[in-house]
C-alpha atoms as a PDB file:
ATOM      1  CA  UNK A   1     -39.483  -4.530  22.808  1.00  0.00           C
ATOM      2  CA  UNK A   2     -41.637  -2.547  25.175  1.00  0.00           C
ATOM      3  CA  UNK A   3     -44.335  -3.954  27.423  1.00  0.00           C
ATOM      4  CA  UNK A   4     -46.887  -1.406  28.563  1.00  0.00           C
ATOM      5  CA  UNK A   5     -49.601  -1.876  31.142  1.00  0.00           C
ATOM      6  CA  UNK A   6     -52.506   0.437  30.262  1.00  0.00           C
ATOM      7  CA  UNK A   7     -54.619   1.439  33.248  1.00  0.00           C
ATOM      8  CA  UNK A   8     -57.465   3.846  33.832  1.00  0.00           C
ATOM      9  CA  UNK A   9     -57.015   6.226  36.746  1.00  0.00           C
ATOM     10  CA  UNK A  10     -54.133   6.632  39.128  1.00  0.00           C
ATOM     11  CA  UNK A  11     -53.132   4.376  41.985  1.00  0.00           C
ATOM     12  CA  UNK A  12     -54.056   6.400  45.044  1.00  0.00           C
ATOM     13  CA  UNK A  13     -52.959   3.933  47.723  1.00  0.00           C
ATOM     14  CA  UNK A  14     -49.344   4.706  48.606  1.00  0.00           C
ATOM     15  CA  UNK A  15     -48.519   1.194  49.838  1.00  0.00           C
ATOM     16  CA  UNK A  16     -49.756  -0.416  46.600  1.00  0.00           C
ATOM     17  CA  UNK A  17     -47.966   2.180  44.498  1.00  0.00           C
ATOM     18  CA  UNK A  18     -44.699   1.504  46.307  1.00  0.00           C
ATOM     19  CA  UNK A  19     -44.942  -2.232  45.608  1.00  0.00           C
ATOM     20  CA  UNK A  20     -45.907  -1.651  41.962  1.00  0.00           C
ATOM     21  CA  UNK A  21     -42.899   0.636  41.481  1.00  0.00           C
ATOM     22  CA  UNK A  22     -40.648  -1.991  43.079  1.00  0.00           C
ATOM     23  CA  UNK A  23     -41.765  -4.664  40.589  1.00  0.00           C
ATOM     24  CA  UNK A  24     -41.573  -2.177  37.734  1.00  0.00           C
ATOM     25  CA  UNK A  25     -37.891  -1.583  38.556  1.00  0.00           C
ATOM     26  CA  UNK A  26     -37.228  -5.328  38.749  1.00  0.00           C
ATOM     27  CA  UNK A  27     -38.875  -5.943  35.359  1.00  0.00           C
ATOM     28  CA  UNK A  28     -36.702  -3.233  33.775  1.00  0.00           C
ATOM     29  CA  UNK A  29     -33.739  -5.622  34.081  1.00  0.00           C
ATOM     30  CA  UNK A  30     -35.346  -7.822  31.418  1.00  0.00           C
ATOM     31  CA  UNK A  31     -37.418  -5.566  29.165  1.00  0.00           C
ATOM     32  CA  UNK A  32     -38.566  -1.976  28.903  1.00  0.00           C
ATOM     33  CA  UNK A  33     -41.733  -1.920  31.004  1.00  0.00           C
ATOM     34  CA  UNK A  34     -43.973   1.055  31.583  1.00  0.00           C
ATOM     35  CA  UNK A  35     -47.312   1.699  33.160  1.00  0.00           C
ATOM     36  CA  UNK A  36     -49.398   4.167  31.220  1.00  0.00           C
ATOM     37  CA  UNK A  37     -52.194   5.766  33.176  1.00  0.00           C
ATOM     38  CA  UNK A  38     -55.202   7.058  31.287  1.00  0.00           C
ATOM     39  CA  UNK A  39     -57.171   9.730  33.141  1.00  0.00           C
ATOM     40  CA  UNK A  40     -60.413   8.922  34.906  1.00  0.00           C
ATOM     41  CA  UNK A  41     -63.440  10.113  32.981  1.00  0.00           C
ATOM     42  CA  UNK A  42     -64.868  13.459  33.990  1.00  0.00           C
ATOM     43  CA  UNK A  43     -68.446  13.401  35.291  1.00  0.00           C
ATOM     44  CA  UNK A  44     -68.261   9.612  35.381  1.00  0.00           C
ATOM     45  CA  UNK A  45     -71.166   9.340  37.810  1.00  0.00           C
ATOM     46  CA  UNK A  46     -73.499  10.979  35.298  1.00  0.00           C
ATOM     47  CA  UNK A  47     -72.623   8.424  32.601  1.00  0.00           C
ATOM     48  CA  UNK A  48     -74.284   5.064  32.077  1.00  0.00           C
ATOM     49  CA  UNK A  49     -72.139   1.933  32.316  1.00  0.00           C
ATOM     50  CA  UNK A  50     -72.272   1.579  28.540  1.00  0.00           C
ATOM     51  CA  UNK A  51     -71.155   5.177  27.996  1.00  0.00           C
ATOM     52  CA  UNK A  52     -68.315   4.779  30.497  1.00  0.00           C
ATOM     53  CA  UNK A  53     -67.066   1.669  28.683  1.00  0.00           C
ATOM     54  CA  UNK A  54     -67.344   3.451  25.317  1.00  0.00           C
ATOM     55  CA  UNK A  55     -65.433   6.533  26.451  1.00  0.00           C
ATOM     56  CA  UNK A  56     -62.759   4.525  28.271  1.00  0.00           C
ATOM     57  CA  UNK A  57     -62.451   2.310  25.197  1.00  0.00           C
ATOM     58  CA  UNK A  58     -61.924   5.320  22.966  1.00  0.00           C
ATOM     59  CA  UNK A  59     -59.150   6.576  25.269  1.00  0.00           C
ATOM     60  CA  UNK A  60     -57.526   3.161  25.343  1.00  0.00           C
ATOM     61  CA  UNK A  61     -57.673   2.562  21.597  1.00  0.00           C
ATOM     62  CA  UNK A  62     -56.033   5.940  20.913  1.00  0.00           C
ATOM     63  CA  UNK A  63     -52.881   4.563  22.576  1.00  0.00           C
ATOM     64  CA  UNK A  64     -52.628   1.477  20.356  1.00  0.00           C
ATOM     65  CA  UNK A  65     -51.078   1.541  16.895  1.00  0.00           C
ATOM     66  CA  UNK A  66     -51.959  -0.848  14.077  1.00  0.00           C
ATOM     67  CA  UNK A  67     -48.933  -3.115  14.585  1.00  0.00           C
ATOM     68  CA  UNK A  68     -49.089  -3.160  18.390  1.00  0.00           C
ATOM     69  CA  UNK A  69     -50.212  -6.301  20.180  1.00  0.00           C
ATOM     70  CA  UNK A  70     -53.064  -5.798  22.687  1.00  0.00           C
ATOM     71  CA  UNK A  71     -53.846  -8.304  25.432  1.00  0.00           C
ATOM     72  CA  UNK A  72     -56.775  -7.639  27.751  1.00  0.00           C
ATOM     73  CA  UNK A  73     -56.675  -8.608  31.404  1.00  0.00           C
ATOM     74  CA  UNK A  74     -60.195  -9.955  31.579  1.00  0.00           C
ATOM     75  CA  UNK A  75     -61.852 -12.379  33.959  1.00  0.00           C
ATOM     76  CA  UNK A  76     -63.161 -14.318  30.959  1.00  0.00           C
ATOM     77  CA  UNK A  77     -59.725 -14.676  29.407  1.00  0.00           C
ATOM     78  CA  UNK A  78     -57.449 -17.696  29.356  1.00  0.00           C
ATOM     79  CA  UNK A  79     -56.082 -18.747  32.750  1.00  0.00           C
ATOM     80  CA  UNK A  80     -52.455 -19.760  33.186  1.00  0.00           C
ATOM     81  CA  UNK A  81     -50.215 -21.182  35.846  1.00  0.00           C
ATOM     82  CA  UNK A  82     -47.174 -18.985  36.455  1.00  0.00           C
ATOM     83  CA  UNK A  83     -45.011 -21.372  34.415  1.00  0.00           C
ATOM     84  CA  UNK A  84     -47.491 -21.404  31.534  1.00  0.00           C
ATOM     85  CA  UNK A  85     -47.732 -17.608  31.599  1.00  0.00           C
ATOM     86  CA  UNK A  86     -43.928 -17.462  31.346  1.00  0.00           C
ATOM     87  CA  UNK A  87     -44.059 -19.666  28.227  1.00  0.00           C
ATOM     88  CA  UNK A  88     -46.890 -17.529  26.798  1.00  0.00           C
ATOM     89  CA  UNK A  89     -44.815 -14.421  27.431  1.00  0.00           C
ATOM     90  CA  UNK A  90     -41.749 -15.993  25.803  1.00  0.00           C
ATOM     91  CA  UNK A  91     -43.762 -16.681  22.648  1.00  0.00           C
ATOM     92  CA  UNK A  92     -44.908 -13.056  22.584  1.00  0.00           C
ATOM     93  CA  UNK A  93     -41.326 -11.848  23.064  1.00  0.00           C
ATOM     94  CA  UNK A  94     -40.137 -14.092  20.221  1.00  0.00           C
ATOM     95  CA  UNK A  95     -42.907 -12.929  17.886  1.00  0.00           C
ATOM     96  CA  UNK A  96     -41.163  -9.720  16.855  1.00  0.00           C
ATOM     97  CA  UNK A  97     -43.714  -7.268  18.233  1.00  0.00           C
ATOM     98  CA  UNK A  98     -42.169  -3.916  19.099  1.00  0.00           C
ATOM     99  CA  UNK A  99     -44.912  -3.084  21.585  1.00  0.00           C
ATOM    100  CA  UNK A 100     -47.112  -5.361  23.632  1.00  0.00           C
ATOM    101  CA  UNK A 101     -49.888  -3.744  25.612  1.00  0.00           C
ATOM    102  CA  UNK A 102     -51.671  -5.376  28.509  1.00  0.00           C
ATOM    103  CA  UNK A 103     -54.811  -3.464  29.463  1.00  0.00           C
ATOM    104  CA  UNK A 104     -56.906  -3.287  32.597  1.00  0.00           C
ATOM    105  CA  UNK A 105     -60.410  -2.059  31.879  1.00  0.00           C
ATOM    106  CA  UNK A 106     -62.480   0.348  33.904  1.00  0.00           C
ATOM    107  CA  UNK A 107     -64.991  -0.693  36.555  1.00  0.00           C
ATOM    108  CA  UNK A 108     -67.393  -2.134  33.963  1.00  0.00           C
ATOM    109  CA  UNK A 109     -64.836  -3.791  31.729  1.00  0.00           C
ATOM    110  CA  UNK A 110     -64.040  -3.140  28.089  1.00  0.00           C
ATOM    111  CA  UNK A 111     -66.172  -1.788  25.265  1.00  0.00           C
ATOM    112  CA  UNK A 112     -67.053  -4.066  22.337  1.00  0.00           C
ATOM    113  CA  UNK A 113     -64.597  -2.092  20.170  1.00  0.00           C
ATOM    114  CA  UNK A 114     -61.730  -2.872  22.550  1.00  0.00           C
ATOM    115  CA  UNK A 115     -62.681  -6.560  22.622  1.00  0.00           C
ATOM    116  CA  UNK A 116     -62.748  -6.562  18.828  1.00  0.00           C
ATOM    117  CA  UNK A 117     -59.294  -4.925  18.570  1.00  0.00           C
ATOM    118  CA  UNK A 118     -57.695  -7.197  21.180  1.00  0.00           C
ATOM    119  CA  UNK A 119     -55.247  -9.866  20.088  1.00  0.00           C
ATOM    120  CA  UNK A 120     -55.911 -11.946  23.186  1.00  0.00           C
ATOM    121  CA  UNK A 121     -57.383 -12.065  26.664  1.00  0.00           C
ATOM    122  CA  UNK A 122     -55.903 -13.507  29.820  1.00  0.00           C
ATOM    123  CA  UNK A 123     -57.362 -13.894  33.265  1.00  0.00           C
ATOM    124  CA  UNK A 124     -55.393 -13.483  36.451  1.00  0.00           C
ATOM    125  CA  UNK A 125     -58.270 -14.990  38.423  1.00  0.00           C
ATOM    126  CA  UNK A 126     -61.960 -15.749  38.232  1.00  0.00           C
ATOM    127  CA  UNK A 127     -62.298 -13.635  41.354  1.00  0.00           C
ATOM    128  CA  UNK A 128     -62.903  -9.906  41.142  1.00  0.00           C
ATOM    129  CA  UNK A 129     -60.213  -7.592  42.507  1.00  0.00           C
ATOM    130  CA  UNK A 130     -59.942  -3.827  42.646  1.00  0.00           C
ATOM    131  CA  UNK A 131     -58.351  -2.311  39.569  1.00  0.00           C
ATOM    132  CA  UNK A 132     -55.558  -0.944  41.731  1.00  0.00           C
ATOM    133  CA  UNK A 133     -54.713  -4.372  43.142  1.00  0.00           C
ATOM    134  CA  UNK A 134     -54.708  -5.968  39.681  1.00  0.00           C
ATOM    135  CA  UNK A 135     -51.892  -3.583  38.727  1.00  0.00           C
ATOM    136  CA  UNK A 136     -49.772  -5.025  41.519  1.00  0.00           C
ATOM    137  CA  UNK A 137     -50.769  -8.636  40.795  1.00  0.00           C
ATOM    138  CA  UNK A 138     -49.938  -8.250  37.104  1.00  0.00           C
ATOM    139  CA  UNK A 139     -46.587  -6.580  37.790  1.00  0.00           C
ATOM    140  CA  UNK A 140     -45.687  -9.374  40.212  1.00  0.00           C
ATOM    141  CA  UNK A 141     -46.701 -12.090  37.737  1.00  0.00           C
ATOM    142  CA  UNK A 142     -44.776 -10.393  34.939  1.00  0.00           C
ATOM    143  CA  UNK A 143     -41.671 -10.284  37.117  1.00  0.00           C
ATOM    144  CA  UNK A 144     -42.259 -13.909  38.141  1.00  0.00           C
ATOM    145  CA  UNK A 145     -42.509 -14.909  34.467  1.00  0.00           C
ATOM    146  CA  UNK A 146     -39.181 -13.241  33.686  1.00  0.00           C
ATOM    147  CA  UNK A 147     -37.592 -14.881  36.728  1.00  0.00           C
ATOM    148  CA  UNK A 148     -38.818 -18.285  35.485  1.00  0.00           C
ATOM    149  CA  UNK A 149     -37.508 -17.625  31.975  1.00  0.00           C
ATOM    150  CA  UNK A 150     -34.146 -16.559  33.360  1.00  0.00           C
ATOM    151  CA  UNK A 151     -33.835 -19.376  35.933  1.00  0.00           C
ATOM    152  CA  UNK A 152     -33.792 -16.993  38.889  1.00  0.00           C
ATOM    153  CA  UNK A 153     -34.630 -18.379  42.338  1.00  0.00           C
ATOM    154  CA  UNK A 154     -37.699 -16.130  42.817  1.00  0.00           C
ATOM    155  CA  UNK A 155     -40.244 -18.757  41.735  1.00  0.00           C
ATOM    156  CA  UNK A 156     -40.489 -22.128  43.484  1.00  0.00           C
ATOM    157  CA  UNK A 157     -42.247 -24.998  41.720  1.00  0.00           C
END
Protein backbone atom coordinates (compact mmCIF):
# COMPACT_ATOMS: atom_id res chain seq x y z
CA UNK A 1 0.00 0.00 0.00
CA UNK A 2 1.23 3.44 -0.90
CA UNK A 3 -0.33 6.71 0.20
CA UNK A 4 0.56 9.67 -1.98
CA UNK A 5 -0.20 13.31 -1.33
CA UNK A 6 -0.52 15.08 -4.69
CA UNK A 7 0.28 18.79 -4.55
CA UNK A 8 0.68 21.55 -7.09
CA UNK A 9 3.86 23.58 -6.81
CA UNK A 10 6.76 23.24 -4.43
CA UNK A 11 6.90 24.19 -0.78
CA UNK A 12 9.13 27.24 -0.77
CA UNK A 13 9.10 27.97 2.96
CA UNK A 14 12.04 26.13 4.53
CA UNK A 15 10.49 25.90 8.01
CA UNK A 16 7.29 24.31 6.67
CA UNK A 17 9.26 21.95 4.45
CA UNK A 18 11.35 20.79 7.39
CA UNK A 19 8.24 19.95 9.43
CA UNK A 20 6.58 18.20 6.47
CA UNK A 21 9.69 16.06 5.94
CA UNK A 22 9.73 15.20 9.65
CA UNK A 23 6.14 13.89 9.53
CA UNK A 24 6.83 12.13 6.24
CA UNK A 25 9.64 10.18 7.92
CA UNK A 26 7.41 9.31 10.88
CA UNK A 27 4.62 8.04 8.59
CA UNK A 28 7.10 5.79 6.76
CA UNK A 29 7.16 3.57 9.86
CA UNK A 30 3.57 2.55 9.10
CA UNK A 31 3.09 2.78 5.34
CA UNK A 32 4.91 3.93 2.23
CA UNK A 33 4.08 7.63 2.05
CA UNK A 34 5.21 10.04 -0.62
CA UNK A 35 4.49 13.59 -1.59
CA UNK A 36 4.28 14.07 -5.32
CA UNK A 37 4.70 17.63 -6.49
CA UNK A 38 3.16 18.64 -9.79
CA UNK A 39 4.77 21.69 -11.38
CA UNK A 40 3.13 25.10 -11.21
CA UNK A 41 1.50 26.08 -14.47
CA UNK A 42 3.53 28.26 -16.78
CA UNK A 43 2.05 31.69 -17.54
CA UNK A 44 -0.53 31.08 -14.82
CA UNK A 45 -1.31 34.78 -14.48
CA UNK A 46 -2.49 34.93 -18.09
CA UNK A 47 -4.97 32.09 -17.54
CA UNK A 48 -8.52 32.42 -16.28
CA UNK A 49 -9.48 30.63 -13.07
CA UNK A 50 -11.40 28.06 -15.10
CA UNK A 51 -8.43 27.40 -17.39
CA UNK A 52 -6.08 27.06 -14.41
CA UNK A 53 -8.38 24.48 -12.81
CA UNK A 54 -8.68 22.61 -16.12
CA UNK A 55 -4.93 22.47 -16.73
CA UNK A 56 -4.12 21.55 -13.12
CA UNK A 57 -6.83 18.89 -13.28
CA UNK A 58 -5.32 17.40 -16.41
CA UNK A 59 -1.91 17.21 -14.71
CA UNK A 60 -3.43 15.63 -11.63
CA UNK A 61 -5.52 13.06 -13.48
CA UNK A 62 -2.48 11.90 -15.47
CA UNK A 63 -1.01 10.62 -12.18
CA UNK A 64 -4.02 8.47 -11.27
CA UNK A 65 -4.58 4.99 -12.67
CA UNK A 66 -7.97 3.33 -13.07
CA UNK A 67 -7.70 1.21 -9.91
CA UNK A 68 -6.21 3.95 -7.71
CA UNK A 69 -8.33 5.53 -5.01
CA UNK A 70 -8.50 9.36 -5.12
CA UNK A 71 -9.57 11.46 -2.15
CA UNK A 72 -9.74 15.23 -2.52
CA UNK A 73 -8.84 17.55 0.33
CA UNK A 74 -11.68 19.97 -0.18
CA UNK A 75 -13.33 22.45 2.15
CA UNK A 76 -16.72 21.03 1.14
CA UNK A 77 -15.72 17.47 1.97
CA UNK A 78 -16.65 15.39 5.00
CA UNK A 79 -15.21 16.62 8.30
CA UNK A 80 -13.74 14.21 10.83
CA UNK A 81 -12.39 14.26 14.34
CA UNK A 82 -8.87 12.84 14.52
CA UNK A 83 -10.25 9.56 15.90
CA UNK A 84 -12.86 9.32 13.15
CA UNK A 85 -10.24 10.07 10.49
CA UNK A 86 -8.13 7.22 11.90
CA UNK A 87 -11.10 4.84 11.52
CA UNK A 88 -11.75 6.17 7.99
CA UNK A 89 -8.10 5.57 7.14
CA UNK A 90 -8.21 2.05 8.59
CA UNK A 91 -11.15 1.20 6.34
CA UNK A 92 -9.22 2.48 3.32
CA UNK A 93 -6.16 0.45 4.34
CA UNK A 94 -8.31 -2.68 4.72
CA UNK A 95 -10.00 -2.17 1.35
CA UNK A 96 -7.16 -3.66 -0.68
CA UNK A 97 -6.24 -0.55 -2.66
CA UNK A 98 -2.62 -0.57 -3.77
CA UNK A 99 -2.49 3.21 -4.07
CA UNK A 100 -4.48 5.86 -2.27
CA UNK A 101 -4.03 9.42 -3.43
CA UNK A 102 -4.96 12.46 -1.39
CA UNK A 103 -4.93 15.61 -3.50
CA UNK A 104 -4.65 19.29 -2.70
CA UNK A 105 -6.01 21.45 -5.49
CA UNK A 106 -4.58 24.66 -6.84
CA UNK A 107 -5.60 28.12 -5.67
CA UNK A 108 -9.06 27.83 -7.26
CA UNK A 109 -9.77 24.24 -6.32
CA UNK A 110 -10.40 21.25 -8.55
CA UNK A 111 -11.81 21.00 -12.06
CA UNK A 112 -15.17 19.27 -12.61
CA UNK A 113 -13.30 16.32 -14.16
CA UNK A 114 -11.27 15.82 -10.98
CA UNK A 115 -14.41 16.02 -8.83
CA UNK A 116 -16.05 13.45 -11.09
CA UNK A 117 -13.06 11.05 -10.85
CA UNK A 118 -12.71 11.40 -7.07
CA UNK A 119 -13.72 8.53 -4.82
CA UNK A 120 -14.27 10.85 -1.88
CA UNK A 121 -13.71 14.28 -0.40
CA UNK A 122 -12.59 15.21 3.08
CA UNK A 123 -12.22 18.57 4.73
CA UNK A 124 -9.49 19.44 7.18
CA UNK A 125 -11.34 22.62 8.11
CA UNK A 126 -14.01 25.00 6.91
CA UNK A 127 -11.36 27.70 7.15
CA UNK A 128 -9.11 28.51 4.22
CA UNK A 129 -5.39 27.87 4.61
CA UNK A 130 -2.48 28.31 2.24
CA UNK A 131 -1.81 25.27 0.09
CA UNK A 132 1.63 24.98 1.65
CA UNK A 133 0.24 24.87 5.18
CA UNK A 134 -2.36 22.25 4.24
CA UNK A 135 0.51 19.93 3.28
CA UNK A 136 1.83 20.15 6.83
CA UNK A 137 -1.62 19.85 8.43
CA UNK A 138 -2.44 16.76 6.37
CA UNK A 139 0.91 15.10 7.09
CA UNK A 140 0.43 15.74 10.81
CA UNK A 141 -3.13 14.36 10.77
CA UNK A 142 -2.02 11.31 8.81
CA UNK A 143 0.70 10.63 11.37
CA UNK A 144 -1.79 11.24 14.19
CA UNK A 145 -4.20 8.73 12.61
CA UNK A 146 -1.49 6.07 12.46
CA UNK A 147 -0.50 6.82 16.06
CA UNK A 148 -4.14 6.34 17.12
CA UNK A 149 -4.42 3.08 15.18
CA UNK A 150 -1.21 1.81 16.73
CA UNK A 151 -1.97 2.97 20.29
CA UNK A 152 1.01 5.32 20.42
CA UNK A 153 1.00 8.10 23.02
CA UNK A 154 1.12 10.93 20.43
CA UNK A 155 -2.64 11.61 20.48
CA UNK A 156 -4.45 12.51 23.70
CA UNK A 157 -8.23 12.13 23.86
